[in-house]
Amino acid sequence: MSKRVIAINRMYGSNGRKIGKALSEELGIHCYDKDLIRIASEKEGLPYEELLKVDEKRANQWRYPLEEPAQMAPQYRLHPMNDVLFHAESEIIKSIAEQEDCIVIGRCAGQILGEDCLKVFIQAPFEYRVKVAAGRMEVSEKDARTFVKKMDKERRSYYEYFTDEKWMDMSLYDLCIDSSRFTEERIIKMLKAAYEDMVV
């Protein structure tokens, strides 16, 4: 691979997605997030709205993730839609990384691409993330606290199931940033410098 790719993993409420989008604008490169689901939907011929339900979630071993006729199609019957989406997105991420400089948000991109990308983890203290989530969703901090815990659990389970690595093992990342300690502008400058130093 000869392209420069930044894979951003993030805690919910750390503004990792927002930072990724802002960085893509600063660098003039594409940021892939939920549009990966749309590409996978077209590739697999599956409804986007149904794939959205299982995005970055590990399948429940006791039941199929979707009450959807597509899940019962012969080619998918033995594979939860979560797995179908992950494997489709993996192939898409590899293909994109060979064609263009880009940023990929979540979806185990760092593990999928290995040494062929800059692996970044955006984190922040729990209470900071609760405040961010409460403001974003316009809910009470009590409700936001419950939601942040749920999202942390889902992301950890998803990552560890598909990679056999620990989500919070900071040795897996090239750069770990506490977004509560720096302004977004400063974080963008740090990531831009790291991007420009990448060997192609």
N, C-alpha and C. Protein backbone atom coordinates (compact mmCIF):
# COMPACT_ATOMS: atom_id res chain seq x y z
N MET A 1 0.84 -1.19 0.00
CA MET A 1 0.00 0.00 0.00
C MET A 1 0.88 1.24 0.00
N SER A 2 0.54 2.21 -0.84
CA SER A 2 1.36 3.42 -0.95
C SER A 2 0.62 4.68 -0.53
N LYS A 3 -0.57 4.54 0.00
CA LYS A 3 -1.36 5.70 0.40
C LYS A 3 -1.28 5.92 1.91
N ARG A 4 -1.51 7.15 2.33
CA ARG A 4 -1.48 7.48 3.74
C ARG A 4 -2.90 7.41 4.31
N VAL A 5 -3.07 6.54 5.29
CA VAL A 5 -4.39 6.33 5.89
C VAL A 5 -4.30 6.52 7.40
N ILE A 6 -5.24 7.25 7.95
CA ILE A 6 -5.35 7.42 9.39
C ILE A 6 -6.58 6.66 9.85
N ALA A 7 -6.38 5.70 10.74
CA ALA A 7 -7.49 4.92 11.31
C ALA A 7 -7.76 5.46 12.71
N ILE A 8 -8.95 6.02 12.92
CA ILE A 8 -9.29 6.61 14.21
C ILE A 8 -10.26 5.72 14.96
N ASN A 9 -9.80 5.19 16.08
CA ASN A 9 -10.69 4.50 17.01
C ASN A 9 -11.04 5.52 18.09
N ARG A 10 -12.20 5.39 18.72
CA ARG A 10 -12.61 6.45 19.64
C ARG A 10 -13.60 5.95 20.68
N MET A 11 -13.54 6.60 21.84
CA MET A 11 -14.55 6.38 22.87
C MET A 11 -15.76 7.25 22.54
N TYR A 12 -16.95 6.76 22.86
CA TYR A 12 -18.14 7.56 22.60
C TYR A 12 -18.10 8.83 23.45
N GLY A 13 -18.36 9.96 22.81
CA GLY A 13 -18.37 11.24 23.52
C GLY A 13 -17.01 11.92 23.56
N SER A 14 -15.99 11.29 22.96
CA SER A 14 -14.66 11.90 22.94
C SER A 14 -14.48 12.83 21.74
N ASN A 15 -15.51 12.90 20.90
CA ASN A 15 -15.49 13.72 19.68
C ASN A 15 -14.55 13.18 18.62
N GLY A 16 -14.27 11.88 18.66
CA GLY A 16 -13.38 11.28 17.67
C GLY A 16 -13.89 11.42 16.25
N ARG A 17 -15.19 11.21 16.05
CA ARG A 17 -15.76 11.35 14.71
C ARG A 17 -15.67 12.80 14.23
N LYS A 18 -16.01 13.72 15.12
CA LYS A 18 -15.96 15.15 14.78
C LYS A 18 -14.54 15.57 14.42
N ILE A 19 -13.57 15.09 15.18
CA ILE A 19 -12.17 15.40 14.91
C ILE A 19 -11.75 14.81 13.56
N GLY A 20 -12.17 13.58 13.29
CA GLY A 20 -11.86 12.96 12.01
C GLY A 20 -12.40 13.74 10.83
N LYS A 21 -13.64 14.21 10.95
CA LYS A 21 -14.26 15.00 9.87
C LYS A 21 -13.51 16.32 9.68
N ALA A 22 -13.17 16.98 10.79
CA ALA A 22 -12.46 18.26 10.70
C ALA A 22 -11.07 18.07 10.11
N LEU A 23 -10.41 16.97 10.48
CA LEU A 23 -9.08 16.67 9.94
C LEU A 23 -9.15 16.42 8.44
N SER A 24 -10.19 15.73 8.00
CA SER A 24 -10.32 15.45 6.56
C SER A 24 -10.48 16.74 5.76
N GLU A 25 -11.21 17.69 6.34
CA GLU A 25 -11.37 18.99 5.66
C GLU A 25 -10.04 19.74 5.62
N GLU A 26 -9.29 19.67 6.72
CA GLU A 26 -7.99 20.34 6.78
C GLU A 26 -7.01 19.74 5.77
N LEU A 27 -7.03 18.42 5.64
CA LEU A 27 -6.08 17.74 4.75
C LEU A 27 -6.59 17.63 3.32
N GLY A 28 -7.88 17.83 3.12
CA GLY A 28 -8.44 17.70 1.78
C GLY A 28 -8.53 16.26 1.31
N ILE A 29 -8.77 15.35 2.27
CA ILE A 29 -8.93 13.94 1.93
C ILE A 29 -10.27 13.44 2.47
N HIS A 30 -10.71 12.30 2.00
CA HIS A 30 -12.03 11.78 2.38
C HIS A 30 -11.97 11.14 3.76
N CYS A 31 -13.07 11.30 4.50
CA CYS A 31 -13.23 10.63 5.79
C CYS A 31 -14.35 9.61 5.66
N TYR A 32 -14.03 8.34 5.84
CA TYR A 32 -15.02 7.27 5.70
C TYR A 32 -15.57 6.89 7.06
N ASP A 33 -16.89 6.94 7.15
CA ASP A 33 -17.57 6.58 8.40
C ASP A 33 -18.79 5.76 8.02
N LYS A 34 -19.97 6.31 8.18
CA LYS A 34 -21.18 5.56 7.85
C LYS A 34 -21.35 5.33 6.35
N ASP A 35 -20.61 6.09 5.54
CA ASP A 35 -20.68 5.83 4.10
C ASP A 35 -20.12 4.46 3.75
N LEU A 36 -19.31 3.87 4.65
CA LEU A 36 -18.85 2.50 4.43
C LEU A 36 -20.02 1.53 4.44
N ILE A 37 -21.03 1.84 5.26
CA ILE A 37 -22.22 0.98 5.32
C ILE A 37 -22.97 1.06 3.99
N ARG A 38 -23.06 2.26 3.44
CA ARG A 38 -23.77 2.42 2.17
C ARG A 38 -23.05 1.66 1.05
N ILE A 39 -21.72 1.75 1.04
CA ILE A 39 -20.94 1.03 0.02
C ILE A 39 -21.14 -0.48 0.20
N ALA A 40 -21.12 -0.94 1.45
CA ALA A 40 -21.33 -2.37 1.73
C ALA A 40 -22.74 -2.79 1.33
N SER A 41 -23.71 -1.91 1.56
CA SER A 41 -25.10 -2.20 1.18
C SER A 41 -25.22 -2.44 -0.32
N GLU A 42 -24.56 -1.58 -1.09
CA GLU A 42 -24.60 -1.72 -2.55
C GLU A 42 -23.83 -2.97 -3.00
N LYS A 43 -22.71 -3.23 -2.34
CA LYS A 43 -21.88 -4.38 -2.71
C LYS A 43 -22.58 -5.70 -2.43
N GLU A 44 -23.24 -5.79 -1.27
CA GLU A 44 -23.88 -7.03 -0.85
C GLU A 44 -25.35 -7.13 -1.28
N GLY A 45 -25.91 -6.02 -1.76
CA GLY A 45 -27.33 -6.03 -2.15
C GLY A 45 -28.26 -6.14 -0.96
N LEU A 46 -27.86 -5.51 0.15
CA LEU A 46 -28.65 -5.57 1.39
C LEU A 46 -29.14 -4.18 1.77
N PRO A 47 -30.29 -4.09 2.42
CA PRO A 47 -30.85 -2.77 2.77
C PRO A 47 -29.94 -1.98 3.71
N TYR A 48 -29.67 -0.74 3.36
CA TYR A 48 -28.82 0.13 4.18
C TYR A 48 -29.35 0.26 5.60
N GLU A 49 -30.64 0.48 5.75
CA GLU A 49 -31.23 0.68 7.08
C GLU A 49 -31.05 -0.55 7.97
N GLU A 50 -31.07 -1.73 7.38
CA GLU A 50 -30.88 -2.95 8.16
C GLU A 50 -29.42 -3.11 8.58
N LEU A 51 -28.50 -2.78 7.68
CA LEU A 51 -27.08 -2.87 8.03
C LEU A 51 -26.73 -1.83 9.10
N LEU A 52 -27.38 -0.69 9.04
CA LEU A 52 -27.14 0.36 10.02
C LEU A 52 -27.42 -0.13 11.44
N LYS A 53 -28.38 -1.02 11.58
CA LYS A 53 -28.76 -1.55 12.90
C LYS A 53 -27.66 -2.39 13.53
N VAL A 54 -26.80 -2.99 12.72
CA VAL A 54 -25.77 -3.88 13.25
C VAL A 54 -24.37 -3.28 13.14
N ASP A 55 -24.27 -2.04 12.70
CA ASP A 55 -22.98 -1.39 12.51
C ASP A 55 -22.22 -1.30 13.83
N GLU A 56 -20.96 -1.75 13.81
CA GLU A 56 -20.07 -1.73 14.98
C GLU A 56 -20.69 -2.39 16.21
N LYS A 57 -21.40 -3.48 15.95
CA LYS A 57 -21.98 -4.27 17.04
C LYS A 57 -21.64 -5.74 16.81
N ARG A 58 -21.33 -6.42 17.90
CA ARG A 58 -21.10 -7.86 17.85
C ARG A 58 -22.45 -8.57 17.85
N ALA A 59 -22.56 -9.65 17.11
CA ALA A 59 -23.82 -10.40 17.05
C ALA A 59 -24.12 -11.06 18.39
N ASN A 60 -25.40 -11.17 18.69
CA ASN A 60 -25.85 -11.92 19.86
C ASN A 60 -25.82 -13.39 19.49
N GLN A 61 -25.14 -14.20 20.29
CA GLN A 61 -24.99 -15.62 19.93
C GLN A 61 -26.29 -16.40 20.03
N TRP A 62 -27.32 -15.82 20.66
CA TRP A 62 -28.56 -16.56 20.88
C TRP A 62 -29.65 -16.28 19.85
N ARG A 63 -29.46 -15.25 19.04
CA ARG A 63 -30.49 -14.96 18.04
C ARG A 63 -29.88 -14.20 16.88
N TYR A 64 -30.59 -14.22 15.73
CA TYR A 64 -30.14 -13.44 14.59
C TYR A 64 -30.33 -11.96 14.90
N PRO A 65 -29.44 -11.11 14.39
CA PRO A 65 -29.52 -9.69 14.70
C PRO A 65 -30.67 -8.97 14.01
N LEU A 66 -31.18 -9.54 12.93
CA LEU A 66 -32.23 -8.86 12.17
C LEU A 66 -33.43 -9.76 11.94
N GLU A 67 -34.61 -9.20 12.12
CA GLU A 67 -35.84 -9.89 11.73
C GLU A 67 -36.11 -9.45 10.29
N GLU A 68 -35.29 -9.91 9.41
CA GLU A 68 -35.28 -9.41 8.04
C GLU A 68 -35.14 -10.59 7.09
N PRO A 69 -35.96 -10.65 6.02
CA PRO A 69 -35.87 -11.76 5.08
C PRO A 69 -34.47 -12.00 4.54
N ALA A 70 -33.70 -10.92 4.37
CA ALA A 70 -32.34 -11.06 3.84
C ALA A 70 -31.48 -11.94 4.74
N GLN A 71 -31.71 -11.88 6.05
CA GLN A 71 -30.92 -12.69 6.98
C GLN A 71 -31.18 -14.18 6.75
N MET A 72 -32.34 -14.51 6.19
CA MET A 72 -32.69 -15.91 5.95
C MET A 72 -32.30 -16.38 4.55
N ALA A 73 -31.74 -15.47 3.74
CA ALA A 73 -31.29 -15.88 2.41
C ALA A 73 -30.19 -16.94 2.56
N PRO A 74 -30.11 -17.91 1.65
CA PRO A 74 -29.15 -19.02 1.79
C PRO A 74 -27.72 -18.59 2.07
N GLN A 75 -27.25 -17.52 1.42
CA GLN A 75 -25.85 -17.13 1.59
C GLN A 75 -25.57 -16.47 2.93
N TYR A 76 -26.63 -16.06 3.67
CA TYR A 76 -26.42 -15.37 4.94
C TYR A 76 -26.95 -16.15 6.14
N ARG A 77 -27.67 -17.23 5.89
CA ARG A 77 -28.38 -17.92 6.96
C ARG A 77 -27.45 -18.36 8.11
N LEU A 78 -26.23 -18.75 7.79
CA LEU A 78 -25.31 -19.23 8.81
C LEU A 78 -24.38 -18.14 9.34
N HIS A 79 -24.54 -16.93 8.84
CA HIS A 79 -23.67 -15.83 9.24
C HIS A 79 -24.50 -14.63 9.69
N PRO A 80 -24.38 -14.22 10.96
CA PRO A 80 -25.11 -13.03 11.41
C PRO A 80 -24.77 -11.83 10.53
N MET A 81 -25.74 -10.96 10.33
CA MET A 81 -25.53 -9.80 9.48
C MET A 81 -24.39 -8.93 9.99
N ASN A 82 -24.13 -8.95 11.30
CA ASN A 82 -23.00 -8.21 11.86
C ASN A 82 -21.70 -8.68 11.20
N ASP A 83 -21.55 -10.01 11.08
CA ASP A 83 -20.34 -10.57 10.49
C ASP A 83 -20.25 -10.26 8.99
N VAL A 84 -21.39 -10.34 8.33
CA VAL A 84 -21.44 -10.03 6.90
C VAL A 84 -20.97 -8.60 6.67
N LEU A 85 -21.49 -7.67 7.49
CA LEU A 85 -21.13 -6.25 7.34
C LEU A 85 -19.65 -6.05 7.65
N PHE A 86 -19.15 -6.66 8.73
CA PHE A 86 -17.75 -6.46 9.09
C PHE A 86 -16.82 -6.93 7.97
N HIS A 87 -17.08 -8.10 7.42
CA HIS A 87 -16.21 -8.64 6.37
C HIS A 87 -16.31 -7.82 5.08
N ALA A 88 -17.51 -7.33 4.78
CA ALA A 88 -17.67 -6.47 3.60
C ALA A 88 -16.92 -5.16 3.80
N GLU A 89 -17.07 -4.55 4.98
CA GLU A 89 -16.37 -3.29 5.27
C GLU A 89 -14.86 -3.49 5.26
N SER A 90 -14.39 -4.64 5.74
CA SER A 90 -12.95 -4.92 5.76
C SER A 90 -12.38 -4.89 4.35
N GLU A 91 -13.07 -5.55 3.42
CA GLU A 91 -12.61 -5.57 2.04
C GLU A 91 -12.66 -4.17 1.42
N ILE A 92 -13.69 -3.42 1.76
CA ILE A 92 -13.83 -2.06 1.24
C ILE A 92 -12.71 -1.17 1.77
N ILE A 93 -12.41 -1.28 3.06
CA ILE A 93 -11.35 -0.48 3.68
C ILE A 93 -10.00 -0.79 3.03
N LYS A 94 -9.72 -2.07 2.81
CA LYS A 94 -8.45 -2.46 2.16
C LYS A 94 -8.37 -1.88 0.74
N SER A 95 -9.48 -1.94 0.03
CA SER A 95 -9.51 -1.45 -1.34
C SER A 95 -9.31 0.06 -1.39
N ILE A 96 -10.00 0.79 -0.51
CA ILE A 96 -9.88 2.24 -0.46
C ILE A 96 -8.45 2.65 -0.10
N ALA A 97 -7.85 1.93 0.86
CA ALA A 97 -6.50 2.25 1.33
C ALA A 97 -5.45 2.09 0.22
N GLU A 98 -5.75 1.28 -0.77
CA GLU A 98 -4.83 1.10 -1.90
C GLU A 98 -4.99 2.20 -2.94
N GLN A 99 -6.10 2.93 -2.86
CA GLN A 99 -6.42 3.90 -3.91
C GLN A 99 -6.25 5.36 -3.53
N GLU A 100 -6.40 5.69 -2.25
CA GLU A 100 -6.39 7.10 -1.87
C GLU A 100 -5.96 7.32 -0.43
N ASP A 101 -5.39 8.50 -0.17
CA ASP A 101 -5.17 8.93 1.21
C ASP A 101 -6.54 9.17 1.82
N CYS A 102 -6.74 8.74 3.05
CA CYS A 102 -8.06 8.91 3.66
C CYS A 102 -7.99 8.72 5.17
N ILE A 103 -9.12 8.97 5.80
CA ILE A 103 -9.31 8.73 7.23
C ILE A 103 -10.45 7.74 7.35
N VAL A 104 -10.31 6.75 8.23
CA VAL A 104 -11.38 5.79 8.47
C VAL A 104 -11.73 5.85 9.95
N ILE A 105 -13.02 6.04 10.24
CA ILE A 105 -13.49 6.11 11.62
C ILE A 105 -13.96 4.74 12.08
N GLY A 106 -13.38 4.23 13.17
CA GLY A 106 -13.83 2.99 13.78
C GLY A 106 -13.68 1.77 12.89
N ARG A 107 -14.58 0.80 13.10
CA ARG A 107 -14.68 -0.42 12.30
C ARG A 107 -13.39 -1.24 12.25
N CYS A 108 -12.59 -1.14 13.31
CA CYS A 108 -11.35 -1.93 13.45
C CYS A 108 -10.37 -1.68 12.31
N ALA A 109 -10.45 -0.50 11.70
CA ALA A 109 -9.61 -0.21 10.52
C ALA A 109 -8.12 -0.36 10.82
N GLY A 110 -7.71 0.06 12.02
CA GLY A 110 -6.30 -0.04 12.38
C GLY A 110 -5.80 -1.47 12.36
N GLN A 111 -6.62 -2.40 12.85
CA GLN A 111 -6.24 -3.80 12.86
C GLN A 111 -6.35 -4.42 11.47
N ILE A 112 -7.30 -3.97 10.70
CA ILE A 112 -7.48 -4.48 9.34
C ILE A 112 -6.28 -4.11 8.47
N LEU A 113 -5.79 -2.87 8.62
CA LEU A 113 -4.69 -2.39 7.78
C LEU A 113 -3.32 -2.62 8.40
N GLY A 114 -3.26 -2.91 9.68
CA GLY A 114 -1.99 -3.19 10.34
C GLY A 114 -1.01 -2.03 10.25
N GLU A 115 0.22 -2.35 9.82
CA GLU A 115 1.28 -1.34 9.77
C GLU A 115 1.09 -0.35 8.62
N ASP A 116 0.10 -0.60 7.78
CA ASP A 116 -0.11 0.26 6.61
C ASP A 116 -0.97 1.48 6.92
N CYS A 117 -1.04 1.88 8.18
CA CYS A 117 -1.82 3.06 8.52
C CYS A 117 -1.31 3.66 9.82
N LEU A 118 -1.75 4.87 10.12
CA LEU A 118 -1.47 5.51 11.40
C LEU A 118 -2.67 5.23 12.30
N LYS A 119 -2.44 4.50 13.38
CA LYS A 119 -3.53 4.10 14.27
C LYS A 119 -3.66 5.11 15.42
N VAL A 120 -4.82 5.75 15.49
CA VAL A 120 -5.06 6.81 16.48
C VAL A 120 -6.22 6.40 17.39
N PHE A 121 -6.06 6.66 18.68
CA PHE A 121 -7.14 6.42 19.63
C PHE A 121 -7.48 7.74 20.31
N ILE A 122 -8.75 8.16 20.18
CA ILE A 122 -9.22 9.38 20.82
C ILE A 122 -10.02 8.99 22.05
N GLN A 123 -9.59 9.47 23.20
CA GLN A 123 -10.27 9.14 24.45
C GLN A 123 -10.57 10.41 25.24
N ALA A 124 -11.24 10.26 26.35
CA ALA A 124 -11.51 11.37 27.27
C ALA A 124 -12.08 10.78 28.55
N PRO A 125 -11.95 11.47 29.68
CA PRO A 125 -12.53 10.97 30.93
C PRO A 125 -14.04 10.75 30.80
N PHE A 126 -14.55 9.81 31.56
CA PHE A 126 -15.96 9.42 31.48
C PHE A 126 -16.90 10.61 31.66
N GLU A 127 -16.71 11.41 32.71
CA GLU A 127 -17.62 12.52 32.98
C GLU A 127 -17.60 13.57 31.88
N TYR A 128 -16.45 13.78 31.28
CA TYR A 128 -16.35 14.71 30.14
C TYR A 128 -17.21 14.19 28.99
N ARG A 129 -17.10 12.90 28.74
CA ARG A 129 -17.85 12.30 27.63
C ARG A 129 -19.35 12.31 27.90
N VAL A 130 -19.72 12.18 29.16
CA VAL A 130 -21.14 12.25 29.53
C VAL A 130 -21.70 13.64 29.20
N LYS A 131 -20.93 14.67 29.51
CA LYS A 131 -21.38 16.04 29.22
C LYS A 131 -21.51 16.27 27.71
N VAL A 132 -20.54 15.76 26.96
CA VAL A 132 -20.59 15.88 25.50
C VAL A 132 -21.82 15.17 24.96
N ALA A 133 -22.06 13.95 25.44
CA ALA A 133 -23.20 13.15 24.96
C ALA A 133 -24.52 13.81 25.34
N ALA A 134 -24.61 14.35 26.54
CA ALA A 134 -25.85 15.00 26.99
C ALA A 134 -26.17 16.20 26.09
N GLY A 135 -25.14 16.98 25.76
CA GLY A 135 -25.35 18.12 24.88
C GLY A 135 -25.69 17.71 23.47
N ARG A 136 -25.05 16.67 22.99
CA ARG A 136 -25.27 16.21 21.62
C ARG A 136 -26.68 15.65 21.44
N MET A 137 -27.13 14.86 22.42
CA MET A 137 -28.43 14.19 22.31
C MET A 137 -29.56 14.97 22.95
N GLU A 138 -29.21 16.07 23.65
CA GLU A 138 -30.20 16.88 24.35
C GLU A 138 -30.99 16.05 25.35
N VAL A 139 -30.26 15.35 26.20
CA VAL A 139 -30.86 14.53 27.25
C VAL A 139 -30.19 14.88 28.58
N SER A 140 -30.73 14.36 29.67
CA SER A 140 -30.15 14.60 30.98
C SER A 140 -28.80 13.89 31.10
N GLU A 141 -27.98 14.36 32.03
CA GLU A 141 -26.69 13.70 32.24
C GLU A 141 -26.88 12.27 32.74
N LYS A 142 -27.95 12.04 33.47
CA LYS A 142 -28.24 10.69 33.95
C LYS A 142 -28.46 9.75 32.78
N ASP A 143 -29.30 10.18 31.82
CA ASP A 143 -29.55 9.35 30.64
C ASP A 143 -28.29 9.21 29.79
N ALA A 144 -27.54 10.31 29.68
CA ALA A 144 -26.31 10.27 28.89
C ALA A 144 -25.30 9.31 29.50
N ARG A 145 -25.24 9.27 30.82
CA ARG A 145 -24.30 8.38 31.51
C ARG A 145 -24.59 6.92 31.16
N THR A 146 -25.87 6.57 31.17
CA THR A 146 -26.28 5.20 30.82
C THR A 146 -25.91 4.88 29.38
N PHE A 147 -26.15 5.86 28.49
CA PHE A 147 -25.90 5.63 27.07
C PHE A 147 -24.40 5.49 26.78
N VAL A 148 -23.58 6.32 27.42
CA VAL A 148 -22.13 6.25 27.20
C VAL A 148 -21.59 4.90 27.67
N LYS A 149 -22.06 4.43 28.81
CA LYS A 149 -21.64 3.10 29.30
C LYS A 149 -22.03 2.02 28.31
N LYS A 150 -23.25 2.12 27.76
CA LYS A 150 -23.72 1.13 26.79
C LYS A 150 -22.85 1.15 25.54
N MET A 151 -22.54 2.35 25.04
CA MET A 151 -21.73 2.46 23.82
C MET A 151 -20.30 1.97 24.05
N ASP A 152 -19.74 2.26 25.21
CA ASP A 152 -18.40 1.75 25.53
C ASP A 152 -18.39 0.23 25.50
N LYS A 153 -19.41 -0.35 26.09
CA LYS A 153 -19.51 -1.82 26.15
C LYS A 153 -19.66 -2.40 24.75
N GLU A 154 -20.49 -1.79 23.92
CA GLU A 154 -20.71 -2.29 22.56
C GLU A 154 -19.44 -2.19 21.73
N ARG A 155 -18.75 -1.05 21.82
CA ARG A 155 -17.54 -0.87 21.02
C ARG A 155 -16.43 -1.80 21.47
N ARG A 156 -16.30 -1.98 22.77
CA ARG A 156 -15.29 -2.90 23.29
C ARG A 156 -15.57 -4.33 22.82
N SER A 157 -16.83 -4.75 22.95
CA SER A 157 -17.21 -6.11 22.56
C SER A 157 -16.99 -6.33 21.07
N TYR A 158 -17.38 -5.36 20.26
CA TYR A 158 -17.22 -5.44 18.80
C TYR A 158 -15.74 -5.56 18.43
N TYR A 159 -14.94 -4.65 18.97
CA TYR A 159 -13.52 -4.62 18.64
C TYR A 159 -12.81 -5.91 19.05
N GLU A 160 -13.07 -6.34 20.27
CA GLU A 160 -12.36 -7.51 20.80
C GLU A 160 -12.82 -8.80 20.12
N TYR A 161 -14.09 -8.86 19.72
CA TYR A 161 -14.60 -10.05 19.03
C TYR A 161 -13.94 -10.20 17.66
N PHE A 162 -13.86 -9.10 16.91
CA PHE A 162 -13.36 -9.19 15.54
C PHE A 162 -11.84 -9.12 15.42
N THR A 163 -11.14 -8.66 16.47
CA THR A 163 -9.68 -8.52 16.36
C THR A 163 -8.89 -9.44 17.29
N ASP A 164 -9.55 -9.99 18.32
CA ASP A 164 -8.85 -10.77 19.35
C ASP A 164 -7.79 -9.93 20.07
N GLU A 165 -8.00 -8.63 20.08
CA GLU A 165 -7.13 -7.71 20.80
C GLU A 165 -7.96 -6.94 21.82
N LYS A 166 -7.28 -6.33 22.79
CA LYS A 166 -7.98 -5.53 23.80
C LYS A 166 -8.17 -4.11 23.31
N TRP A 167 -9.42 -3.66 23.32
CA TRP A 167 -9.79 -2.33 22.83
C TRP A 167 -8.99 -1.23 23.53
N MET A 168 -8.76 -1.40 24.83
CA MET A 168 -8.08 -0.37 25.62
C MET A 168 -6.58 -0.61 25.77
N ASP A 169 -6.02 -1.50 24.98
CA ASP A 169 -4.58 -1.72 25.01
C ASP A 169 -3.92 -0.62 24.17
N MET A 170 -3.38 0.38 24.84
CA MET A 170 -2.84 1.54 24.14
C MET A 170 -1.60 1.21 23.31
N SER A 171 -0.98 0.06 23.56
CA SER A 171 0.19 -0.33 22.76
C SER A 171 -0.19 -0.67 21.33
N LEU A 172 -1.49 -0.84 21.07
CA LEU A 172 -1.96 -1.16 19.72
C LEU A 172 -2.05 0.08 18.82
N TYR A 173 -1.94 1.25 19.44
CA TYR A 173 -2.12 2.50 18.71
C TYR A 173 -0.80 3.26 18.59
N ASP A 174 -0.66 4.03 17.51
CA ASP A 174 0.52 4.85 17.32
C ASP A 174 0.43 6.17 18.08
N LEU A 175 -0.79 6.63 18.26
CA LEU A 175 -0.99 7.92 18.89
C LEU A 175 -2.30 7.89 19.69
N CYS A 176 -2.21 8.21 20.98
CA CYS A 176 -3.40 8.23 21.85
C CYS A 176 -3.57 9.66 22.37
N ILE A 177 -4.77 10.21 22.20
CA ILE A 177 -5.01 11.60 22.56
C ILE A 177 -6.22 11.71 23.48
N ASP A 178 -6.04 12.43 24.57
CA ASP A 178 -7.15 12.77 25.47
C ASP A 178 -7.75 14.07 24.96
N SER A 179 -8.92 13.98 24.34
CA SER A 179 -9.51 15.15 23.69
C SER A 179 -10.00 16.21 24.68
N SER A 180 -10.04 15.87 25.98
CA SER A 180 -10.45 16.86 26.98
C SER A 180 -9.30 17.79 27.34
N ARG A 181 -8.09 17.43 26.95
CA ARG A 181 -6.89 18.18 27.35
C ARG A 181 -6.45 19.20 26.30
N PHE A 182 -6.96 19.07 25.09
CA PHE A 182 -6.53 19.95 24.01
C PHE A 182 -7.73 20.49 23.25
N THR A 183 -7.57 21.64 22.62
CA THR A 183 -8.61 22.16 21.75
C THR A 183 -8.66 21.31 20.49
N GLU A 184 -9.79 21.35 19.81
CA GLU A 184 -9.90 20.61 18.55
C GLU A 184 -8.84 21.10 17.57
N GLU A 185 -8.61 22.40 17.53
CA GLU A 185 -7.62 22.96 16.62
C GLU A 185 -6.23 22.39 16.88
N ARG A 186 -5.88 22.24 18.16
CA ARG A 186 -4.57 21.71 18.52
C ARG A 186 -4.45 20.24 18.13
N ILE A 187 -5.53 19.49 18.34
CA ILE A 187 -5.52 18.07 17.97
C ILE A 187 -5.36 17.91 16.46
N ILE A 188 -6.05 18.76 15.71
CA ILE A 188 -5.95 18.72 14.25
C ILE A 188 -4.51 18.99 13.82
N LYS A 189 -3.86 19.95 14.47
CA LYS A 189 -2.47 20.27 14.13
C LYS A 189 -1.55 19.07 14.41
N MET A 190 -1.78 18.40 15.54
CA MET A 190 -0.96 17.22 15.88
C MET A 190 -1.14 16.11 14.86
N LEU A 191 -2.39 15.85 14.51
CA LEU A 191 -2.68 14.77 13.57
C LEU A 191 -2.21 15.12 12.16
N LYS A 192 -2.32 16.38 11.81
CA LYS A 192 -1.84 16.81 10.49
C LYS A 192 -0.33 16.61 10.39
N ALA A 193 0.40 16.96 11.46
CA ALA A 193 1.85 16.78 11.47
C ALA A 193 2.20 15.30 11.35
N ALA A 194 1.45 14.44 12.07
CA ALA A 194 1.71 13.00 12.00
C ALA A 194 1.44 12.47 10.60
N TYR A 195 0.37 12.95 9.99
CA TYR A 195 0.01 12.55 8.62
C TYR A 195 1.11 12.94 7.64
N GLU A 196 1.60 14.16 7.77
CA GLU A 196 2.62 14.65 6.84
C GLU A 196 3.95 13.92 7.00
N ASP A 197 4.17 13.34 8.20
CA ASP A 197 5.40 12.60 8.44
C ASP A 197 5.32 11.14 8.01
N MET A 198 4.13 10.69 7.60
CA MET A 198 3.97 9.29 7.20
C MET A 198 4.77 9.00 5.94
N VAL A 199 5.41 7.85 5.92
CA VAL A 199 6.20 7.43 4.75
C VAL A 199 5.26 6.79 3.74
N VAL A 200 5.35 7.20 2.50
CA VAL A 200 4.49 6.62 1.45
C VAL A 200 5.35 5.88 0.43
